[in-house]
């Protein structure tokens, strides 16, 4: 299972939120490149980079941070947060993203998202299926939609999606363990997807359980920043 640390960006700084609430913002480092280099030095190969300003603004904002990390490390970056237009997508790929994640756009403008999928393929375009009580959330998790997560994922599998990042928002930043039951459900209904678990991962035991469930990757955020999981533990896990 791939291990993917997360860097969330507000005002160019490395932050974490709890349950996606911007009022809970905690700054961990003023220099995200420094954080990315630490991950790289520990043998990490992948990075999940989220433009939280972009998610709120509905267009890419922190592309310079993406460009810096991509140019100063060898990390394979998947980038998300506010990608809503073809121009946003071009900027993200031009700045060094290997993959992009589309969440809100996959709900609100499926034609554009499907066009991206058709043009770039399922290895470059990731579906962001972030949910609260199994309902998809959009716009930096500020809004809940009426769309159920399981049918939402299935509808895109039929259109060529391979990678799905699913965050259970109720678990995000709580350090109380991930949403195992939800992931079990998703994998039983959509067997061919590469499911990336995100939210609530607190221990190496959580990672082992997710691997046993069949998750292709796991994104870790607060557990790393708060010292619940050490980078050296991830080296051993890998």
Protein backbone atom coordinates (compact mmCIF):
# COMPACT_ATOMS: atom_id res chain seq x y z
CA UNK A 1 0.00 0.00 0.00
CA UNK A 2 1.32 3.44 -0.92
CA UNK A 3 1.74 5.92 1.92
CA UNK A 4 0.96 9.51 0.94
CA UNK A 5 1.61 12.35 3.39
CA UNK A 6 -0.60 15.40 2.98
CA UNK A 7 0.34 19.06 2.88
CA UNK A 8 -2.62 21.45 3.08
CA UNK A 9 -1.93 25.04 2.08
CA UNK A 10 -3.49 28.30 3.30
CA UNK A 11 -1.67 31.59 2.54
CA UNK A 12 1.31 29.58 1.28
CA UNK A 13 1.74 27.87 4.69
CA UNK A 14 1.46 24.23 5.74
CA UNK A 15 -1.69 23.89 7.89
CA UNK A 16 -4.22 21.32 9.14
CA UNK A 17 -7.93 21.73 9.74
CA UNK A 18 -10.30 19.59 11.80
CA UNK A 19 -13.32 18.22 9.90
CA UNK A 20 -12.55 20.73 7.15
CA UNK A 21 -13.46 23.69 9.39
CA UNK A 22 -11.32 26.69 8.38
CA UNK A 23 -11.76 28.18 11.86
CA UNK A 24 -9.73 25.28 13.31
CA UNK A 25 -6.67 26.14 11.20
CA UNK A 26 -3.35 25.25 12.82
CA UNK A 27 -0.10 26.29 11.12
CA UNK A 28 2.60 23.61 11.28
CA UNK A 29 5.22 25.18 9.07
CA UNK A 30 5.54 28.47 7.19
CA UNK A 31 7.56 26.70 4.51
CA UNK A 32 5.82 23.73 2.82
CA UNK A 33 8.93 22.98 0.73
CA UNK A 34 10.83 22.27 3.95
CA UNK A 35 8.10 19.80 4.98
CA UNK A 36 8.13 18.12 1.55
CA UNK A 37 11.92 17.73 1.70
CA UNK A 38 11.63 15.98 5.10
CA UNK A 39 9.17 13.52 3.59
CA UNK A 40 11.48 12.92 0.64
CA UNK A 41 14.49 12.41 2.96
CA UNK A 42 12.53 9.70 4.81
CA UNK A 43 12.07 7.76 1.58
CA UNK A 44 8.52 8.93 0.86
CA UNK A 45 7.73 8.99 -2.88
CA UNK A 46 4.25 10.53 -2.99
CA UNK A 47 2.58 13.72 -1.79
CA UNK A 48 -1.05 14.81 -1.55
CA UNK A 49 -1.04 18.61 -1.88
CA UNK A 50 -4.27 20.49 -1.21
CA UNK A 51 -4.88 24.14 -2.06
CA UNK A 52 -7.39 25.07 0.68
CA UNK A 53 -7.49 28.69 -0.51
CA UNK A 54 -8.32 27.36 -3.96
CA UNK A 55 -11.08 25.11 -2.60
CA UNK A 56 -12.76 28.19 -1.11
CA UNK A 57 -12.10 30.49 -4.07
CA UNK A 58 -13.22 27.95 -6.73
CA UNK A 59 -10.00 28.37 -8.70
CA UNK A 60 -6.35 27.44 -8.25
CA UNK A 61 -4.52 29.81 -5.86
CA UNK A 62 -1.37 28.23 -4.41
CA UNK A 63 0.15 26.96 -7.66
CA UNK A 64 3.51 28.55 -6.80
CA UNK A 65 3.81 26.21 -3.81
CA UNK A 66 3.12 23.27 -6.13
CA UNK A 67 5.75 24.51 -8.56
CA UNK A 68 8.36 24.94 -5.81
CA UNK A 69 7.80 21.49 -4.29
CA UNK A 70 7.79 19.84 -7.72
CA UNK A 71 11.02 21.60 -8.75
CA UNK A 72 12.88 21.05 -5.46
CA UNK A 73 11.90 17.41 -4.73
CA UNK A 74 11.29 14.22 -6.69
CA UNK A 75 7.93 13.62 -4.96
CA UNK A 76 5.08 12.48 -7.21
CA UNK A 77 2.40 15.04 -6.38
CA UNK A 78 -1.34 14.69 -6.65
CA UNK A 79 -2.87 18.15 -6.41
CA UNK A 80 -6.40 19.21 -5.52
CA UNK A 81 -8.44 22.09 -4.21
CA UNK A 82 -10.48 24.44 -6.36
CA UNK A 83 -9.68 23.02 -9.79
CA UNK A 84 -12.73 24.12 -11.75
CA UNK A 85 -11.62 25.05 -15.27
CA UNK A 86 -9.41 23.81 -18.08
CA UNK A 87 -7.07 26.70 -17.27
CA UNK A 88 -6.76 25.52 -13.63
CA UNK A 89 -5.96 22.04 -14.87
CA UNK A 90 -3.27 23.27 -17.27
CA UNK A 91 -1.68 25.38 -14.52
CA UNK A 92 -1.59 22.39 -12.14
CA UNK A 93 0.01 20.06 -14.68
CA UNK A 94 2.41 22.76 -15.93
CA UNK A 95 3.50 23.43 -12.33
CA UNK A 96 4.46 19.80 -11.83
CA UNK A 97 1.41 17.85 -10.63
CA UNK A 98 1.55 14.18 -11.70
CA UNK A 99 -2.14 13.71 -10.91
CA UNK A 100 -5.00 16.05 -10.05
CA UNK A 101 -8.00 15.40 -7.86
CA UNK A 102 -11.43 16.69 -8.85
CA UNK A 103 -14.16 16.68 -6.22
CA UNK A 104 -16.66 19.53 -6.45
CA UNK A 105 -16.31 19.73 -10.23
CA UNK A 106 -17.20 16.04 -10.57
CA UNK A 107 -20.50 16.86 -8.81
CA UNK A 108 -21.30 20.30 -10.21
CA UNK A 109 -19.83 20.19 -13.71
CA UNK A 110 -19.61 16.54 -14.69
CA UNK A 111 -19.22 17.39 -18.40
CA UNK A 112 -15.92 19.21 -17.80
CA UNK A 113 -14.68 16.53 -15.40
CA UNK A 114 -15.55 13.77 -17.87
CA UNK A 115 -13.74 15.70 -20.63
CA UNK A 116 -10.61 15.79 -18.41
CA UNK A 117 -10.94 12.06 -17.81
CA UNK A 118 -11.31 11.43 -21.51
CA UNK A 119 -8.32 13.63 -22.41
CA UNK A 120 -5.84 12.70 -19.65
CA UNK A 121 -7.04 9.22 -18.68
CA UNK A 122 -7.74 7.46 -15.42
CA UNK A 123 -4.12 7.40 -14.29
CA UNK A 124 -3.87 11.21 -14.14
CA UNK A 125 -7.36 12.22 -13.00
CA UNK A 126 -8.43 11.17 -9.48
CA UNK A 127 -12.02 11.32 -8.27
CA UNK A 128 -12.38 13.10 -4.92
CA UNK A 129 -15.31 11.47 -3.10
CA UNK A 130 -15.32 13.28 0.23
CA UNK A 131 -18.44 12.68 2.27
CA UNK A 132 -20.30 13.32 5.49
CA UNK A 133 -22.77 10.64 6.58
CA UNK A 134 -22.17 9.10 3.14
CA UNK A 135 -23.34 12.26 1.33
CA UNK A 136 -20.79 13.92 -0.99
CA UNK A 137 -19.49 17.31 0.23
CA UNK A 138 -18.29 20.08 -2.09
CA UNK A 139 -16.56 23.49 -2.12
CA UNK A 140 -13.87 22.78 0.44
CA UNK A 141 -16.43 20.75 2.40
CA UNK A 142 -18.45 23.90 3.05
CA UNK A 143 -21.54 22.38 1.39
CA UNK A 144 -23.18 18.96 1.47
CA UNK A 145 -24.83 17.64 -1.70
CA UNK A 146 -27.72 15.17 -2.01
CA UNK A 147 -25.45 12.70 -3.77
CA UNK A 148 -24.74 9.38 -2.04
CA UNK A 149 -21.07 8.38 -2.08
CA UNK A 150 -21.47 4.78 -3.33
CA UNK A 151 -23.56 5.53 -6.46
CA UNK A 152 -21.37 8.61 -7.10
CA UNK A 153 -18.22 6.48 -7.24
CA UNK A 154 -19.90 3.76 -9.31
CA UNK A 155 -21.12 6.30 -11.87
CA UNK A 156 -17.55 7.43 -12.50
CA UNK A 157 -16.09 3.92 -12.56
CA UNK A 158 -18.25 3.30 -15.61
CA UNK A 159 -16.65 6.40 -17.19
CA UNK A 160 -13.06 5.27 -16.66
CA UNK A 161 -12.09 6.49 -13.18
CA UNK A 162 -9.40 4.30 -11.62
CA UNK A 163 -8.26 6.25 -8.55
CA UNK A 164 -10.68 7.45 -5.86
CA UNK A 165 -9.71 9.44 -2.76
CA UNK A 166 -12.42 9.09 -0.12
CA UNK A 167 -12.36 11.16 3.06
CA UNK A 168 -15.01 10.66 5.73
CA UNK A 169 -15.18 14.28 6.93
CA UNK A 170 -16.41 13.28 10.40
CA UNK A 171 -13.09 11.46 10.90
CA UNK A 172 -10.79 14.10 9.38
CA UNK A 173 -8.28 15.52 11.83
CA UNK A 174 -9.92 13.75 14.79
CA UNK A 175 -7.11 11.20 15.30
CA UNK A 176 -9.72 8.57 16.17
CA UNK A 177 -9.14 6.09 13.34
CA UNK A 178 -10.41 5.99 9.75
CA UNK A 179 -13.78 4.94 8.37
CA UNK A 180 -13.11 1.22 7.89
CA UNK A 181 -16.76 0.25 7.35
CA UNK A 182 -17.23 2.86 4.63
CA UNK A 183 -14.11 1.69 2.78
CA UNK A 184 -15.24 -1.94 3.07
CA UNK A 185 -18.58 -0.98 1.49
CA UNK A 186 -16.95 0.97 -1.33
CA UNK A 187 -14.51 -1.82 -2.17
CA UNK A 188 -17.25 -4.47 -2.13
CA UNK A 189 -19.33 -2.45 -4.62
CA UNK A 190 -16.51 -1.13 -6.84
CA UNK A 191 -13.92 -3.88 -6.83
CA UNK A 192 -11.69 -2.54 -9.60
CA UNK A 193 -10.93 0.92 -8.22
CA UNK A 194 -7.70 1.96 -6.54
CA UNK A 195 -9.14 3.33 -3.31
CA UNK A 196 -7.09 5.92 -1.42
CA UNK A 197 -8.20 6.20 2.21
CA UNK A 198 -8.01 9.59 3.88
CA UNK A 199 -9.10 11.01 7.23
CA UNK A 200 -8.58 9.84 10.79
CA UNK A 201 -5.52 7.64 10.26
CA UNK A 202 -3.72 7.68 13.61
CA UNK A 203 -1.47 4.63 13.88
CA UNK A 204 0.52 2.01 11.99
CA UNK A 205 -2.24 -0.44 13.01
CA UNK A 206 -4.75 1.71 11.07
CA UNK A 207 -2.49 1.48 8.02
CA UNK A 208 -2.22 -2.30 8.33
CA UNK A 209 -6.02 -2.62 8.57
CA UNK A 210 -6.54 -0.43 5.50
CA UNK A 211 -4.04 -2.53 3.60
CA UNK A 212 -5.87 -5.71 4.65
CA UNK A 213 -9.16 -4.19 3.43
CA UNK A 214 -7.63 -3.69 -0.02
CA UNK A 215 -6.99 0.07 -0.07
CA UNK A 216 -4.38 0.97 -2.70
CA UNK A 217 -3.03 3.91 -0.69
CA UNK A 218 -3.52 5.92 2.48
CA UNK A 219 -3.16 9.66 3.03
CA UNK A 220 -1.79 10.75 6.39
CA UNK A 221 -1.96 14.30 7.71
CA UNK A 222 -2.38 15.30 11.33
CA UNK A 223 -1.00 12.01 12.73
CA UNK A 224 2.37 12.89 11.18
CA UNK A 225 2.33 16.52 12.27
CA UNK A 226 1.26 15.69 15.84
CA UNK A 227 3.79 12.85 16.19
CA UNK A 228 1.33 9.92 16.42
CA UNK A 229 3.10 8.33 13.46
CA UNK A 230 6.83 8.94 12.97
CA UNK A 231 8.40 9.13 9.53
CA UNK A 232 10.80 6.35 10.53
CA UNK A 233 7.77 4.12 11.27
CA UNK A 234 6.60 4.67 7.72
CA UNK A 235 9.99 3.60 6.41
CA UNK A 236 9.61 0.34 8.36
CA UNK A 237 6.00 -0.03 7.17
CA UNK A 238 7.03 0.42 3.55
